[in-house]
Amino acid sequence: MAATIYALCALTALACACLILRSYYQSKYRLLLWSGLCFAGLFINNLILMIDRLMLPATDLSTWRLLAALGALLPLLYGLILEDE
């Protein structure tokens, strides 16, 4: 059951990233770019979570997961703070 939930979370983040980035390419609204990059990073974070919990349960990848989450949120934080429009 956990594998299904992890996979659905990853697929949801990937779908959001694809839809938001596609919308950015059509409208060129910069906040959509930062949001799409954030969701792409969250997708990577979910992939690392699946590897950590399901494929390598004896290995602790929590540091890598946290770094991926930080890397996912930094573009959105940049876009919210420093972009002016």
N, C-alpha and C. Protein backbone atom coordinates (compact mmCIF):
# COMPACT_ATOMS: atom_id res chain seq x y z
N MET A 1 0.82 -1.20 0.00
CA MET A 1 0.00 0.00 0.00
C MET A 1 0.87 1.26 0.00
N ALA A 2 1.98 1.22 0.74
CA ALA A 2 2.85 2.39 0.80
C ALA A 2 3.45 2.70 -0.57
N ALA A 3 3.80 1.66 -1.32
CA ALA A 3 4.37 1.88 -2.65
C ALA A 3 3.37 2.57 -3.56
N THR A 4 2.12 2.23 -3.46
CA THR A 4 1.09 2.86 -4.28
C THR A 4 0.95 4.34 -3.93
N ILE A 5 0.95 4.64 -2.65
CA ILE A 5 0.81 6.03 -2.22
C ILE A 5 2.02 6.85 -2.65
N TYR A 6 3.23 6.30 -2.46
CA TYR A 6 4.44 7.01 -2.89
C TYR A 6 4.42 7.26 -4.39
N ALA A 7 4.01 6.26 -5.16
CA ALA A 7 3.97 6.40 -6.62
C ALA A 7 2.92 7.43 -7.04
N LEU A 8 1.78 7.43 -6.39
CA LEU A 8 0.75 8.41 -6.74
C LEU A 8 1.19 9.83 -6.40
N CYS A 9 1.88 9.99 -5.29
CA CYS A 9 2.40 11.33 -4.93
C CYS A 9 3.43 11.80 -5.96
N ALA A 10 4.31 10.91 -6.38
CA ALA A 10 5.32 11.27 -7.38
C ALA A 10 4.66 11.61 -8.71
N LEU A 11 3.70 10.81 -9.13
CA LEU A 11 3.02 11.08 -10.39
C LEU A 11 2.21 12.37 -10.35
N THR A 12 1.64 12.68 -9.20
CA THR A 12 0.90 13.93 -9.06
C THR A 12 1.84 15.13 -9.17
N ALA A 13 2.99 15.05 -8.52
CA ALA A 13 3.96 16.14 -8.61
C ALA A 13 4.47 16.29 -10.05
N LEU A 14 4.70 15.18 -10.73
CA LEU A 14 5.15 15.23 -12.12
C LEU A 14 4.07 15.83 -13.02
N ALA A 15 2.84 15.44 -12.82
CA ALA A 15 1.74 16.00 -13.62
C ALA A 15 1.60 17.50 -13.38
N CYS A 16 1.70 17.93 -12.13
CA CYS A 16 1.63 19.36 -11.83
C CYS A 16 2.76 20.11 -12.49
N ALA A 17 3.98 19.56 -12.42
CA ALA A 17 5.13 20.21 -13.03
C ALA A 17 4.93 20.34 -14.54
N CYS A 18 4.48 19.28 -15.18
CA CYS A 18 4.27 19.32 -16.63
C CYS A 18 3.20 20.33 -17.02
N LEU A 19 2.09 20.34 -16.31
CA LEU A 19 1.01 21.25 -16.64
C LEU A 19 1.40 22.71 -16.40
N ILE A 20 2.09 22.96 -15.30
CA ILE A 20 2.47 24.34 -14.98
C ILE A 20 3.53 24.83 -15.96
N LEU A 21 4.51 23.98 -16.29
CA LEU A 21 5.55 24.41 -17.24
C LEU A 21 4.97 24.58 -18.64
N ARG A 22 4.02 23.76 -19.01
CA ARG A 22 3.36 23.94 -20.31
C ARG A 22 2.61 25.27 -20.35
N SER A 23 1.97 25.61 -19.24
CA SER A 23 1.27 26.88 -19.17
C SER A 23 2.26 28.05 -19.21
N TYR A 24 3.43 27.86 -18.61
CA TYR A 24 4.45 28.91 -18.67
C TYR A 24 4.90 29.14 -20.10
N TYR A 25 5.13 28.06 -20.87
CA TYR A 25 5.59 28.22 -22.24
C TYR A 25 4.55 28.91 -23.11
N GLN A 26 3.30 28.82 -22.75
CA GLN A 26 2.25 29.49 -23.52
C GLN A 26 2.09 30.95 -23.12
N SER A 27 2.20 31.25 -21.81
CA SER A 27 1.90 32.60 -21.35
C SER A 27 3.13 33.43 -20.99
N LYS A 28 4.26 32.78 -20.76
CA LYS A 28 5.51 33.44 -20.35
C LYS A 28 5.38 34.23 -19.05
N TYR A 29 4.45 33.83 -18.20
CA TYR A 29 4.31 34.43 -16.88
C TYR A 29 5.33 33.78 -15.95
N ARG A 30 6.29 34.55 -15.43
CA ARG A 30 7.47 34.01 -14.76
C ARG A 30 7.16 33.22 -13.49
N LEU A 31 6.11 33.57 -12.77
CA LEU A 31 5.79 32.83 -11.56
C LEU A 31 5.43 31.38 -11.87
N LEU A 32 4.88 31.13 -13.04
CA LEU A 32 4.60 29.76 -13.45
C LEU A 32 5.88 28.97 -13.65
N LEU A 33 6.93 29.61 -14.12
CA LEU A 33 8.22 28.93 -14.27
C LEU A 33 8.74 28.49 -12.91
N TRP A 34 8.74 29.39 -11.94
CA TRP A 34 9.26 29.05 -10.62
C TRP A 34 8.40 27.97 -9.96
N SER A 35 7.10 28.03 -10.14
CA SER A 35 6.22 27.01 -9.58
C SER A 35 6.44 25.66 -10.24
N GLY A 36 6.61 25.66 -11.56
CA GLY A 36 6.87 24.42 -12.27
C GLY A 36 8.18 23.78 -11.86
N LEU A 37 9.22 24.60 -11.67
CA LEU A 37 10.49 24.07 -11.19
C LEU A 37 10.38 23.52 -9.78
N CYS A 38 9.56 24.16 -8.96
CA CYS A 38 9.33 23.66 -7.60
C CYS A 38 8.69 22.28 -7.64
N PHE A 39 7.68 22.11 -8.47
CA PHE A 39 7.02 20.81 -8.55
C PHE A 39 7.91 19.75 -9.17
N ALA A 40 8.79 20.16 -10.08
CA ALA A 40 9.75 19.20 -10.63
C ALA A 40 10.70 18.73 -9.54
N GLY A 41 11.12 19.65 -8.69
CA GLY A 41 11.97 19.26 -7.56
C GLY A 41 11.23 18.39 -6.56
N LEU A 42 9.96 18.66 -6.35
CA LEU A 42 9.17 17.80 -5.45
C LEU A 42 8.99 16.41 -6.03
N PHE A 43 8.92 16.31 -7.35
CA PHE A 43 8.89 15.00 -7.99
C PHE A 43 10.18 14.23 -7.71
N ILE A 44 11.31 14.91 -7.82
CA ILE A 44 12.60 14.28 -7.51
C ILE A 44 12.65 13.87 -6.04
N ASN A 45 12.12 14.72 -5.19
CA ASN A 45 12.06 14.41 -3.77
C ASN A 45 11.24 13.14 -3.52
N ASN A 46 10.13 13.01 -4.22
CA ASN A 46 9.30 11.81 -4.07
C ASN A 46 9.99 10.56 -4.61
N LEU A 47 10.76 10.72 -5.68
CA LEU A 47 11.53 9.58 -6.20
C LEU A 47 12.57 9.11 -5.18
N ILE A 48 13.25 10.07 -4.56
CA ILE A 48 14.24 9.70 -3.54
C ILE A 48 13.55 9.04 -2.36
N LEU A 49 12.36 9.51 -2.02
CA LEU A 49 11.60 8.88 -0.94
C LEU A 49 11.27 7.43 -1.27
N MET A 50 10.86 7.17 -2.51
CA MET A 50 10.55 5.80 -2.91
C MET A 50 11.80 4.91 -2.86
N ILE A 51 12.92 5.45 -3.31
CA ILE A 51 14.17 4.68 -3.25
C ILE A 51 14.55 4.41 -1.80
N ASP A 52 14.41 5.43 -0.96
CA ASP A 52 14.79 5.31 0.45
C ASP A 52 13.93 4.29 1.19
N ARG A 53 12.64 4.35 1.01
CA ARG A 53 11.73 3.51 1.79
C ARG A 53 11.52 2.12 1.20
N LEU A 54 11.54 2.01 -0.12
CA LEU A 54 11.17 0.73 -0.74
C LEU A 54 12.35 -0.07 -1.27
N MET A 55 13.29 0.59 -1.92
CA MET A 55 14.38 -0.15 -2.56
C MET A 55 15.60 -0.34 -1.66
N LEU A 56 15.90 0.67 -0.85
CA LEU A 56 17.06 0.61 0.04
C LEU A 56 16.64 0.92 1.47
N PRO A 57 15.85 0.06 2.10
CA PRO A 57 15.35 0.39 3.45
C PRO A 57 16.46 0.43 4.50
N ALA A 58 17.58 -0.22 4.26
CA ALA A 58 18.66 -0.21 5.26
C ALA A 58 19.51 1.05 5.18
N THR A 59 19.39 1.79 4.08
CA THR A 59 20.17 3.00 3.88
C THR A 59 19.33 4.22 4.22
N ASP A 60 19.95 5.18 4.92
CA ASP A 60 19.24 6.40 5.29
C ASP A 60 19.53 7.48 4.25
N LEU A 61 18.53 7.83 3.48
CA LEU A 61 18.66 8.88 2.47
C LEU A 61 17.91 10.14 2.87
N SER A 62 17.66 10.32 4.16
CA SER A 62 16.87 11.47 4.60
C SER A 62 17.58 12.79 4.32
N THR A 63 18.92 12.81 4.40
CA THR A 63 19.65 14.03 4.09
C THR A 63 19.46 14.42 2.63
N TRP A 64 19.53 13.43 1.74
CA TRP A 64 19.33 13.70 0.31
C TRP A 64 17.90 14.14 0.02
N ARG A 65 16.95 13.55 0.75
CA ARG A 65 15.55 13.98 0.57
C ARG A 65 15.36 15.42 1.00
N LEU A 66 15.97 15.79 2.13
CA LEU A 66 15.85 17.16 2.60
C LEU A 66 16.53 18.15 1.65
N LEU A 67 17.67 17.76 1.10
CA LEU A 67 18.34 18.62 0.13
C LEU A 67 17.51 18.78 -1.14
N ALA A 68 16.86 17.70 -1.56
CA ALA A 68 15.99 17.79 -2.73
C ALA A 68 14.79 18.69 -2.45
N ALA A 69 14.24 18.59 -1.26
CA ALA A 69 13.11 19.45 -0.90
C ALA A 69 13.54 20.91 -0.83
N LEU A 70 14.72 21.16 -0.28
CA LEU A 70 15.24 22.53 -0.24
C LEU A 70 15.48 23.05 -1.64
N GLY A 71 16.08 22.22 -2.49
CA GLY A 71 16.31 22.63 -3.87
C GLY A 71 15.02 22.86 -4.64
N ALA A 72 13.96 22.15 -4.25
CA ALA A 72 12.66 22.35 -4.90
C ALA A 72 12.03 23.66 -4.48
N LEU A 73 12.20 24.04 -3.24
CA LEU A 73 11.53 25.24 -2.75
C LEU A 73 12.30 26.53 -3.04
N LEU A 74 13.60 26.43 -3.27
CA LEU A 74 14.38 27.64 -3.52
C LEU A 74 13.95 28.41 -4.77
N PRO A 75 13.67 27.76 -5.91
CA PRO A 75 13.21 28.55 -7.06
C PRO A 75 11.87 29.26 -6.80
N LEU A 76 10.98 28.60 -6.09
CA LEU A 76 9.70 29.24 -5.79
C LEU A 76 9.90 30.41 -4.83
N LEU A 77 10.76 30.24 -3.84
CA LEU A 77 11.06 31.32 -2.91
C LEU A 77 11.68 32.50 -3.65
N TYR A 78 12.61 32.21 -4.55
CA TYR A 78 13.22 33.27 -5.37
C TYR A 78 12.15 34.00 -6.18
N GLY A 79 11.28 33.23 -6.81
CA GLY A 79 10.25 33.84 -7.64
C GLY A 79 9.27 34.68 -6.84
N LEU A 80 8.96 34.27 -5.64
CA LEU A 80 8.00 35.02 -4.82
C LEU A 80 8.63 36.29 -4.24
N ILE A 81 9.92 36.23 -3.93
CA ILE A 81 10.55 37.38 -3.26
C ILE A 81 11.15 38.36 -4.25
N LEU A 82 11.92 37.87 -5.20
CA LEU A 82 12.72 38.76 -6.03
C LEU A 82 12.11 39.12 -7.37
N GLU A 83 11.15 38.38 -7.85
CA GLU A 83 10.52 38.73 -9.12
C GLU A 83 9.54 39.88 -8.89
N ASP A 84 9.62 40.87 -9.72
CA ASP A 84 8.66 41.96 -9.65
C ASP A 84 7.93 42.04 -10.98
N GLU A 85 6.64 42.19 -10.87
CA GLU A 85 5.84 42.25 -12.08
C GLU A 85 4.61 43.07 -11.86
